[in-house]
Protein backbone atom coordinates (compact mmCIF):
# COMPACT_ATOMS: atom_id res chain seq x y z
CA MET A 1 -12.32 6.14 -8.78
CA VAL A 2 -9.03 4.21 -8.68
CA GLY A 3 -9.25 0.64 -8.38
CA TRP A 4 -5.65 -0.42 -8.47
CA PHE A 5 -2.23 0.97 -8.96
CA GLU A 6 1.45 -0.20 -8.20
CA ILE A 7 4.16 2.04 -6.43
CA PRO A 8 7.29 -0.02 -5.76
CA VAL A 9 8.58 1.06 -2.12
CA ASN A 10 11.30 -0.14 0.12
CA ASP A 11 9.57 0.60 3.33
CA MET A 12 6.23 -0.65 3.22
CA ASP A 13 4.90 0.55 6.80
CA ARG A 14 6.09 3.94 5.92
CA ALA A 15 4.48 4.01 2.51
CA LYS A 16 1.17 2.62 3.95
CA ALA A 17 1.17 5.17 6.68
CA PHE A 18 1.48 7.82 3.97
CA TYR A 19 -0.95 6.94 1.69
CA GLU A 20 -3.50 6.02 4.41
CA ALA A 21 -3.13 9.69 5.50
CA VAL A 22 -2.91 11.30 1.91
CA PHE A 23 -5.99 9.28 0.33
CA LYS A 24 -7.95 8.99 3.73
CA VAL A 25 -8.27 5.24 3.21
CA GLU A 26 -7.33 2.00 5.42
CA ILE A 27 -4.66 -0.08 3.24
CA LYS A 28 -4.53 -3.74 4.36
CA ASN A 29 -1.27 -5.71 3.96
CA VAL A 30 -1.58 -8.71 1.72
CA GLU A 31 1.57 -10.99 0.75
CA LEU A 32 1.19 -13.05 -2.42
CA ASP A 33 3.90 -15.26 -3.72
CA GLY A 34 6.34 -13.70 -1.51
CA LEU A 35 5.39 -10.21 -2.42
CA LYS A 36 4.23 -7.62 0.03
CA MET A 37 1.23 -5.56 -1.23
CA GLY A 38 -1.16 -3.18 0.32
């Protein structure tokens, strides 16, 4: 099981939808020190 990995993206909403569909998981958006993460 993968716990964490980083993939830089230009369009967070598009990437989130893609990875949720591929991995069949829910990704929650988080912002930390001005960085958007999911």
